Amino acid sequence: MKIAKTSRNLAPITDWLQLSNGRYLHAQTQQLVDEAISHCFGYNLLKLGHLSTQLKTNKCPIRHQINCAQDGEDIGLRSDLHHLPFQDATIDLCILVHELDFSSDPHQLLREIDRVLTLDGILIISGFNPYSLFGCRALLSSKNEHTARLFSPNRVIDWLHLLGFEIKQKKHFDYISPQPKNAISSLIEKIGRQYLSTFCSIYFIVAKKQCTPMTRIKTGITFKRAIINNRPVATKQTHSKLLP
């Protein structure tokens, strides 16, 4: 298993069209995001990274929405995603799409999200699956700053569990890449999603931050009136008769 943290500077994807089937992946991700955010409530929604900010979130009841990335257009806040300029527990919903794949320190990125999320906050996270056709092409390609570092969805889920998240939803799509163009390829895609989801190119996870309830320390048992007091208690004494 490869180490999560790396010293390499990775350049993330800044537009869906940079992917060979970017329009298809954008549409599929948008559909899943629409379903996930329709029942999310709160005060602040945070979209991290370029691809996340290009997703529409107008179906979410949360009105105050923040686009955050290091640079780019339509960015409301420019910041290093590993060190967010927010107070603790101020974000109710966070969307992180294909950012772990290009993060030099994915553990720190998730810890920072965990810090800013409120209790019972929601994290929507998506990424590339290394055990797929896309993962095989990425493995065979030459390593450079634009190469994604792929982490399996089960490994990401383990990280989330360590931070105290509960997995509410897990889905896979894009079994055959690029985009299916005819009825046969669409049928293969459908079968792949249903029976071979482990080998789909994209995973989609919805996780909920769990608050640990405080355990109340039970006090000692008390009685309305004292059962034992200090007053002497009269006792009946019997004397046995000694035999001669």
C-alpha atoms as a PDB file:
ATOM      1  CA  MET A   1       0.000   0.000   0.000  1.00  0.00           C
ATOM      2  CA  LYS A   2       1.437   3.347  -1.040  1.00  0.00           C
ATOM      3  CA  ILE A   3       1.929   6.138   1.483  1.00  0.00           C
ATOM      4  CA  ALA A   4      -0.798   8.756   1.315  1.00  0.00           C
ATOM      5  CA  LYS A   5       1.442  11.785   1.792  1.00  0.00           C
ATOM      6  CA  THR A   6       3.878  12.757  -0.933  1.00  0.00           C
ATOM      7  CA  SER A   7       6.402  15.514  -1.534  1.00  0.00           C
ATOM      8  CA  ARG A   8       5.373  15.881  -5.180  1.00  0.00           C
ATOM      9  CA  ASN A   9       3.474  18.981  -6.261  1.00  0.00           C
ATOM     10  CA  LEU A  10       0.390  17.717  -8.084  1.00  0.00           C
ATOM     11  CA  ALA A  11      -1.582  19.927 -10.449  1.00  0.00           C
ATOM     12  CA  PRO A  12      -5.320  19.207 -10.111  1.00  0.00           C
ATOM     13  CA  ILE A  13      -7.769  19.150 -12.997  1.00  0.00           C
ATOM     14  CA  THR A  14      -9.284  22.603 -13.404  1.00  0.00           C
ATOM     15  CA  ASP A  15     -12.082  21.780 -15.858  1.00  0.00           C
ATOM     16  CA  TRP A  16     -14.280  18.779 -16.590  1.00  0.00           C
ATOM     17  CA  LEU A  17     -13.404  19.025 -20.288  1.00  0.00           C
ATOM     18  CA  GLN A  18      -9.819  18.044 -19.478  1.00  0.00           C
ATOM     19  CA  LEU A  19     -11.124  14.500 -19.014  1.00  0.00           C
ATOM     20  CA  SER A  20     -11.707  12.333 -22.098  1.00  0.00           C
ATOM     21  CA  ASN A  21     -15.350  11.802 -21.105  1.00  0.00           C
ATOM     22  CA  GLY A  22     -15.661  14.924 -18.972  1.00  0.00           C
ATOM     23  CA  ARG A  23     -19.156  15.927 -20.119  1.00  0.00           C
ATOM     24  CA  TYR A  24     -20.534  12.501 -19.239  1.00  0.00           C
ATOM     25  CA  LEU A  25     -18.806  12.405 -15.839  1.00  0.00           C
ATOM     26  CA  HIS A  26     -19.964  15.950 -15.104  1.00  0.00           C
ATOM     27  CA  ALA A  27     -23.564  15.068 -15.905  1.00  0.00           C
ATOM     28  CA  GLN A  28     -23.507  11.863 -13.844  1.00  0.00           C
ATOM     29  CA  THR A  29     -21.857  13.570 -10.873  1.00  0.00           C
ATOM     30  CA  GLN A  30     -24.303  16.473 -11.077  1.00  0.00           C
ATOM     31  CA  GLN A  31     -27.236  14.072 -10.943  1.00  0.00           C
ATOM     32  CA  LEU A  32     -25.912  12.316  -7.831  1.00  0.00           C
ATOM     33  CA  VAL A  33     -25.110  15.631  -6.150  1.00  0.00           C
ATOM     34  CA  ASP A  34     -28.635  16.925  -6.835  1.00  0.00           C
ATOM     35  CA  GLU A  35     -30.099  13.853  -5.127  1.00  0.00           C
ATOM     36  CA  ALA A  36     -27.763  14.121  -2.140  1.00  0.00           C
ATOM     37  CA  ILE A  37     -28.110  17.853  -1.402  1.00  0.00           C
ATOM     38  CA  SER A  38     -31.874  18.184  -1.719  1.00  0.00           C
ATOM     39  CA  HIS A  39     -32.364  17.149   1.924  1.00  0.00           C
ATOM     40  CA  CYS A  40     -29.364  18.967   3.433  1.00  0.00           C
ATOM     41  CA  PHE A  41     -30.044  21.931   5.684  1.00  0.00           C
ATOM     42  CA  GLY A  42     -27.944  24.495   7.496  1.00  0.00           C
ATOM     43  CA  TYR A  43     -26.322  27.870   6.997  1.00  0.00           C
ATOM     44  CA  ASN A  44     -23.101  27.343   4.994  1.00  0.00           C
ATOM     45  CA  LEU A  45     -22.244  25.166   1.988  1.00  0.00           C
ATOM     46  CA  LEU A  46     -18.602  24.837   0.935  1.00  0.00           C
ATOM     47  CA  LYS A  47     -17.419  23.583  -2.464  1.00  0.00           C
ATOM     48  CA  LEU A  48     -13.711  22.741  -2.513  1.00  0.00           C
ATOM     49  CA  GLY A  49     -11.683  22.587  -5.707  1.00  0.00           C
ATOM     50  CA  HIS A  50     -12.271  23.564  -9.319  1.00  0.00           C
ATOM     51  CA  LEU A  51     -14.509  20.659 -10.328  1.00  0.00           C
ATOM     52  CA  SER A  52     -16.654  21.049  -7.206  1.00  0.00           C
ATOM     53  CA  THR A  53     -17.224  24.743  -7.883  1.00  0.00           C
ATOM     54  CA  GLN A  54     -18.452  23.940 -11.408  1.00  0.00           C
ATOM     55  CA  LEU A  55     -21.301  21.846 -10.015  1.00  0.00           C
ATOM     56  CA  LYS A  56     -24.675  23.527  -9.604  1.00  0.00           C
ATOM     57  CA  THR A  57     -26.091  23.447  -6.091  1.00  0.00           C
ATOM     58  CA  ASN A  58     -29.217  25.563  -6.518  1.00  0.00           C
ATOM     59  CA  LYS A  59     -31.377  22.611  -5.434  1.00  0.00           C
ATOM     60  CA  CYS A  60     -29.849  22.730  -1.960  1.00  0.00           C
ATOM     61  CA  PRO A  61     -31.877  24.576   0.720  1.00  0.00           C
ATOM     62  CA  ILE A  62     -28.628  26.090   2.052  1.00  0.00           C
ATOM     63  CA  ARG A  63     -28.443  29.582   0.562  1.00  0.00           C
ATOM     64  CA  HIS A  64     -24.990  30.756   1.676  1.00  0.00           C
ATOM     65  CA  GLN A  65     -22.629  28.887  -0.662  1.00  0.00           C
ATOM     66  CA  ILE A  66     -18.857  29.356  -0.917  1.00  0.00           C
ATOM     67  CA  ASN A  67     -16.643  28.396  -3.872  1.00  0.00           C
ATOM     68  CA  CYS A  68     -13.130  27.763  -2.594  1.00  0.00           C
ATOM     69  CA  ALA A  69      -9.994  26.970  -4.611  1.00  0.00           C
ATOM     70  CA  GLN A  70      -6.417  28.146  -4.869  1.00  0.00           C
ATOM     71  CA  ASP A  71      -7.102  30.093  -8.067  1.00  0.00           C
ATOM     72  CA  GLY A  72      -9.441  30.313 -11.033  1.00  0.00           C
ATOM     73  CA  GLU A  73     -12.620  32.099 -12.081  1.00  0.00           C
ATOM     74  CA  ASP A  74     -15.887  32.302 -10.126  1.00  0.00           C
ATOM     75  CA  ILE A  75     -13.982  31.596  -6.918  1.00  0.00           C
ATOM     76  CA  GLY A  76     -15.392  33.355  -3.883  1.00  0.00           C
ATOM     77  CA  LEU A  77     -12.495  32.389  -1.624  1.00  0.00           C
ATOM     78  CA  ARG A  78      -8.924  31.636  -2.670  1.00  0.00           C
ATOM     79  CA  SER A  79      -7.166  29.439  -0.168  1.00  0.00           C
ATOM     80  CA  ASP A  80      -5.000  26.387   0.318  1.00  0.00           C
ATOM     81  CA  LEU A  81      -7.495  23.542   0.753  1.00  0.00           C
ATOM     82  CA  HIS A  82      -5.249  21.940   3.375  1.00  0.00           C
ATOM     83  CA  HIS A  83      -5.507  25.025   5.605  1.00  0.00           C
ATOM     84  CA  LEU A  84      -8.985  26.503   5.372  1.00  0.00           C
ATOM     85  CA  PRO A  85      -9.607  29.993   6.806  1.00  0.00           C
ATOM     86  CA  PHE A  86     -12.748  29.015   8.724  1.00  0.00           C
ATOM     87  CA  GLN A  87     -13.510  28.666  12.371  1.00  0.00           C
ATOM     88  CA  ASP A  88     -14.245  25.248  13.787  1.00  0.00           C
ATOM     89  CA  ALA A  89     -17.715  23.786  13.168  1.00  0.00           C
ATOM     90  CA  THR A  90     -18.963  26.489  10.782  1.00  0.00           C
ATOM     91  CA  ILE A  91     -19.745  24.486   7.593  1.00  0.00           C
ATOM     92  CA  ASP A  92     -22.890  22.361   7.295  1.00  0.00           C
ATOM     93  CA  LEU A  93     -22.218  20.765   3.898  1.00  0.00           C
ATOM     94  CA  CYS A  94     -18.931  20.251   2.045  1.00  0.00           C
ATOM     95  CA  ILE A  95     -18.492  18.990  -1.526  1.00  0.00           C
ATOM     96  CA  LEU A  96     -15.093  17.545  -2.489  1.00  0.00           C
ATOM     97  CA  VAL A  97     -14.916  16.210  -6.058  1.00  0.00           C
ATOM     98  CA  HIS A  98     -11.669  14.650  -7.377  1.00  0.00           C
ATOM     99  CA  GLU A  99      -9.438  16.593  -4.999  1.00  0.00           C
ATOM    100  CA  LEU A 100      -8.077  13.678  -2.967  1.00  0.00           C
ATOM    101  CA  ASP A 101      -6.689  12.297  -6.235  1.00  0.00           C
ATOM    102  CA  PHE A 102      -4.392  15.311  -6.594  1.00  0.00           C
ATOM    103  CA  SER A 103      -3.719  16.107  -2.935  1.00  0.00           C
ATOM    104  CA  SER A 104      -0.152  15.864  -1.639  1.00  0.00           C
ATOM    105  CA  ASP A 105      -1.527  15.176   1.860  1.00  0.00           C
ATOM    106  CA  PRO A 106      -5.055  13.670   1.703  1.00  0.00           C
ATOM    107  CA  HIS A 107      -5.069  12.958   5.450  1.00  0.00           C
ATOM    108  CA  GLN A 108      -4.591  16.644   6.244  1.00  0.00           C
ATOM    109  CA  LEU A 109      -7.256  17.600   3.703  1.00  0.00           C
ATOM    110  CA  LEU A 110      -9.819  15.340   5.369  1.00  0.00           C
ATOM    111  CA  ARG A 111      -8.788  16.464   8.857  1.00  0.00           C
ATOM    112  CA  GLU A 112      -9.287  20.073   7.840  1.00  0.00           C
ATOM    113  CA  ILE A 113     -12.749  19.309   6.469  1.00  0.00           C
ATOM    114  CA  ASP A 114     -13.586  17.461   9.667  1.00  0.00           C
ATOM    115  CA  ARG A 115     -12.494  20.507  11.680  1.00  0.00           C
ATOM    116  CA  VAL A 116     -14.723  23.010   9.858  1.00  0.00           C
ATOM    117  CA  LEU A 117     -17.786  20.754   9.595  1.00  0.00           C
ATOM    118  CA  THR A 118     -20.504  21.166  12.181  1.00  0.00           C
ATOM    119  CA  LEU A 119     -21.715  18.269  14.261  1.00  0.00           C
ATOM    120  CA  ASP A 120     -23.867  16.115  11.970  1.00  0.00           C
ATOM    121  CA  GLY A 121     -22.372  17.964   8.971  1.00  0.00           C
ATOM    122  CA  ILE A 122     -22.397  16.259   5.552  1.00  0.00           C
ATOM    123  CA  LEU A 123     -19.394  15.534   3.316  1.00  0.00           C
ATOM    124  CA  ILE A 124     -19.910  14.584  -0.338  1.00  0.00           C
ATOM    125  CA  ILE A 125     -16.735  13.127  -1.795  1.00  0.00           C
ATOM    126  CA  SER A 126     -15.971  11.673  -5.214  1.00  0.00           C
ATOM    127  CA  GLY A 127     -12.822  10.278  -6.777  1.00  0.00           C
ATOM    128  CA  PHE A 128     -11.240   7.900  -9.276  1.00  0.00           C
ATOM    129  CA  ASN A 129     -11.136   4.195  -8.525  1.00  0.00           C
ATOM    130  CA  PRO A 130      -7.705   2.600  -9.156  1.00  0.00           C
ATOM    131  CA  TYR A 131      -9.331  -0.803  -9.827  1.00  0.00           C
ATOM    132  CA  SER A 132     -10.889   0.245 -13.138  1.00  0.00           C
ATOM    133  CA  LEU A 133     -10.055   0.870 -16.781  1.00  0.00           C
ATOM    134  CA  PHE A 134      -9.231   4.453 -15.878  1.00  0.00           C
ATOM    135  CA  GLY A 135      -6.946   3.250 -13.104  1.00  0.00           C
ATOM    136  CA  CYS A 136      -5.116   0.908 -15.485  1.00  0.00           C
ATOM    137  CA  ARG A 137      -4.494   3.724 -17.948  1.00  0.00           C
ATOM    138  CA  ALA A 138      -3.274   5.996 -15.150  1.00  0.00           C
ATOM    139  CA  LEU A 139      -0.913   3.251 -13.939  1.00  0.00           C
ATOM    140  CA  LEU A 140       0.575   2.752 -17.388  1.00  0.00           C
ATOM    141  CA  SER A 141       0.934   6.453 -18.103  1.00  0.00           C
ATOM    142  CA  SER A 142       4.181   8.267 -17.339  1.00  0.00           C
ATOM    143  CA  LYS A 143       4.399   9.823 -13.909  1.00  0.00           C
ATOM    144  CA  ASN A 144       4.343  13.601 -13.959  1.00  0.00           C
ATOM    145  CA  GLU A 145       2.792  16.426 -11.997  1.00  0.00           C
ATOM    146  CA  HIS A 146      -0.583  15.894 -13.697  1.00  0.00           C
ATOM    147  CA  THR A 147      -0.857  12.200 -12.822  1.00  0.00           C
ATOM    148  CA  ALA A 148      -3.598  11.461 -10.307  1.00  0.00           C
ATOM    149  CA  ARG A 149      -2.788   9.505  -7.153  1.00  0.00           C
ATOM    150  CA  LEU A 150      -5.670   7.083  -6.977  1.00  0.00           C
ATOM    151  CA  PHE A 151      -6.957   5.760  -3.658  1.00  0.00           C
ATOM    152  CA  SER A 152      -9.484   2.956  -3.459  1.00  0.00           C
ATOM    153  CA  PRO A 153     -12.940   3.847  -2.113  1.00  0.00           C
ATOM    154  CA  ASN A 154     -12.543   1.359   0.741  1.00  0.00           C
ATOM    155  CA  ARG A 155      -9.354   3.106   1.830  1.00  0.00           C
ATOM    156  CA  VAL A 156     -11.094   6.481   1.742  1.00  0.00           C
ATOM    157  CA  ILE A 157     -13.934   5.017   3.798  1.00  0.00           C
ATOM    158  CA  ASP A 158     -11.406   3.759   6.371  1.00  0.00           C
ATOM    159  CA  TRP A 159     -10.018   7.290   6.669  1.00  0.00           C
ATOM    160  CA  LEU A 160     -13.515   8.669   7.155  1.00  0.00           C
ATOM    161  CA  HIS A 161     -14.305   6.069   9.818  1.00  0.00           C
ATOM    162  CA  LEU A 162     -11.173   7.033  11.726  1.00  0.00           C
ATOM    163  CA  LEU A 163     -12.421  10.630  11.759  1.00  0.00           C
ATOM    164  CA  GLY A 164     -15.798   9.520  13.089  1.00  0.00           C
ATOM    165  CA  PHE A 165     -17.873   9.766   9.890  1.00  0.00           C
ATOM    166  CA  GLU A 166     -20.809   7.511   9.140  1.00  0.00           C
ATOM    167  CA  ILE A 167     -21.163   6.421   5.514  1.00  0.00           C
ATOM    168  CA  LYS A 168     -24.705   7.216   4.426  1.00  0.00           C
ATOM    169  CA  GLN A 169     -24.350   6.417   0.721  1.00  0.00           C
ATOM    170  CA  LYS A 170     -21.824   4.792  -1.607  1.00  0.00           C
ATOM    171  CA  LYS A 171     -22.262   4.535  -5.375  1.00  0.00           C
ATOM    172  CA  HIS A 172     -20.153   3.735  -8.437  1.00  0.00           C
ATOM    173  CA  PHE A 173     -20.500   4.692 -12.093  1.00  0.00           C
ATOM    174  CA  ASP A 174     -18.574   4.875 -15.389  1.00  0.00           C
ATOM    175  CA  TYR A 175     -17.848   1.176 -15.821  1.00  0.00           C
ATOM    176  CA  ILE A 176     -16.731   1.495 -19.455  1.00  0.00           C
ATOM    177  CA  SER A 177     -14.867   4.659 -20.245  1.00  0.00           C
ATOM    178  CA  PRO A 178     -15.271   6.742 -22.395  1.00  0.00           C
ATOM    179  CA  GLN A 179     -18.962   7.605 -22.497  1.00  0.00           C
ATOM    180  CA  PRO A 180     -21.269   4.810 -23.773  1.00  0.00           C
ATOM    181  CA  LYS A 181     -22.482   5.770 -27.255  1.00  0.00           C
ATOM    182  CA  ASN A 182     -24.909   3.015 -28.240  1.00  0.00           C
ATOM    183  CA  ALA A 183     -27.448   0.607 -26.762  1.00  0.00           C
ATOM    184  CA  ILE A 184     -24.935  -2.210 -26.267  1.00  0.00           C
ATOM    185  CA  SER A 185     -22.412  -0.073 -24.418  1.00  0.00           C
ATOM    186  CA  SER A 186     -25.217   1.443 -22.328  1.00  0.00           C
ATOM    187  CA  LEU A 187     -26.353  -2.083 -21.396  1.00  0.00           C
ATOM    188  CA  ILE A 188     -22.790  -3.028 -20.432  1.00  0.00           C
ATOM    189  CA  GLU A 189     -22.575   0.135 -18.316  1.00  0.00           C
ATOM    190  CA  LYS A 190     -25.822  -0.759 -16.542  1.00  0.00           C
ATOM    191  CA  ILE A 191     -24.695  -4.326 -15.840  1.00  0.00           C
ATOM    192  CA  GLY A 192     -21.315  -3.099 -14.670  1.00  0.00           C
ATOM    193  CA  ARG A 193     -22.854  -0.676 -12.189  1.00  0.00           C
ATOM    194  CA  GLN A 194     -25.174  -3.327 -10.804  1.00  0.00           C
ATOM    195  CA  TYR A 195     -22.921  -6.376 -10.597  1.00  0.00           C
ATOM    196  CA  LEU A 196     -19.324  -5.148 -11.014  1.00  0.00           C
ATOM    197  CA  SER A 197     -19.432  -1.829  -9.203  1.00  0.00           C
ATOM    198  CA  THR A 198     -16.007  -2.513  -7.664  1.00  0.00           C
ATOM    199  CA  PHE A 199     -14.444  -1.953 -11.086  1.00  0.00           C
ATOM    200  CA  CYS A 200     -16.264   1.278 -11.983  1.00  0.00           C
ATOM    201  CA  SER A 201     -14.050   4.298 -12.612  1.00  0.00           C
ATOM    202  CA  ILE A 202     -15.770   6.719 -10.221  1.00  0.00           C
ATOM    203  CA  TYR A 203     -16.878   6.317  -6.614  1.00  0.00           C
ATOM    204  CA  PHE A 204     -19.358   8.650  -4.952  1.00  0.00           C
ATOM    205  CA  ILE A 205     -19.633   8.764  -1.149  1.00  0.00           C
ATOM    206  CA  VAL A 206     -21.940  10.701   1.163  1.00  0.00           C
ATOM    207  CA  ALA A 207     -20.710  10.731   4.775  1.00  0.00           C
ATOM    208  CA  LYS A 208     -22.135  12.295   7.926  1.00  0.00           C
ATOM    209  CA  LYS A 209     -20.011  13.599  10.742  1.00  0.00           C
ATOM    210  CA  GLN A 210     -21.005  11.907  13.974  1.00  0.00           C
ATOM    211  CA  CYS A 211     -21.080  13.804  17.238  1.00  0.00           C
ATOM    212  CA  THR A 212     -19.982  11.819  20.262  1.00  0.00           C
ATOM    213  CA  PRO A 213     -22.573  12.336  22.994  1.00  0.00           C
ATOM    214  CA  MET A 214     -21.335  13.230  26.437  1.00  0.00           C
ATOM    215  CA  THR A 215     -21.863  10.435  28.934  1.00  0.00           C
ATOM    216  CA  ARG A 216     -23.566  11.734  32.029  1.00  0.00           C
ATOM    217  CA  ILE A 217     -21.897  10.662  35.258  1.00  0.00           C
ATOM    218  CA  LYS A 218     -24.492   9.069  37.456  1.00  0.00           C
ATOM    219  CA  THR A 219     -24.718  10.369  40.992  1.00  0.00           C
ATOM    220  CA  GLY A 220     -24.983   8.126  44.007  1.00  0.00           C
ATOM    221  CA  ILE A 221     -28.356   6.764  45.111  1.00  0.00           C
ATOM    222  CA  THR A 222     -30.144   9.146  47.461  1.00  0.00           C
ATOM    223  CA  PHE A 223     -33.138   8.516  49.712  1.00  0.00           C
ATOM    224  CA  LYS A 224     -35.731  10.939  50.921  1.00  0.00           C
ATOM    225  CA  ARG A 225     -35.115   9.917  54.525  1.00  0.00           C
ATOM    226  CA  ALA A 226     -32.160   8.408  56.214  1.00  0.00           C
ATOM    227  CA  ILE A 227     -32.242   4.644  56.510  1.00  0.00           C
ATOM    228  CA  ILE A 228     -29.385   4.423  59.027  1.00  0.00           C
ATOM    229  CA  ASN A 229     -29.067   6.926  61.847  1.00  0.00           C
ATOM    230  CA  ASN A 230     -26.761   7.311  64.806  1.00  0.00           C
ATOM    231  CA  ARG A 231     -29.406   6.786  67.521  1.00  0.00           C
ATOM    232  CA  PRO A 232     -28.925   3.668  69.665  1.00  0.00           C
ATOM    233  CA  VAL A 233     -31.231   0.832  68.881  1.00  0.00           C
ATOM    234  CA  ALA A 234     -32.736  -1.232  71.767  1.00  0.00           C
ATOM    235  CA  THR A 235     -32.022  -4.894  71.496  1.00  0.00           C
ATOM    236  CA  LYS A 236     -33.377  -7.801  73.496  1.00  0.00           C
ATOM    237  CA  GLN A 237     -30.740  -9.804  75.221  1.00  0.00           C
ATOM    238  CA  THR A 238     -31.249 -13.397  76.363  1.00  0.00           C
ATOM    239  CA  HIS A 239     -29.154 -15.143  78.995  1.00  0.00           C
ATOM    240  CA  SER A 240     -28.663 -18.842  78.718  1.00  0.00           C
ATOM    241  CA  LYS A 241     -28.929 -20.835  81.934  1.00  0.00           C
ATOM    242  CA  LEU A 242     -25.695 -22.448  82.882  1.00  0.00           C
ATOM    243  CA  LEU A 243     -25.888 -26.140  83.677  1.00  0.00           C
ATOM    244  CA  PRO A 244     -24.314 -27.336  86.930  1.00  0.00           C
END
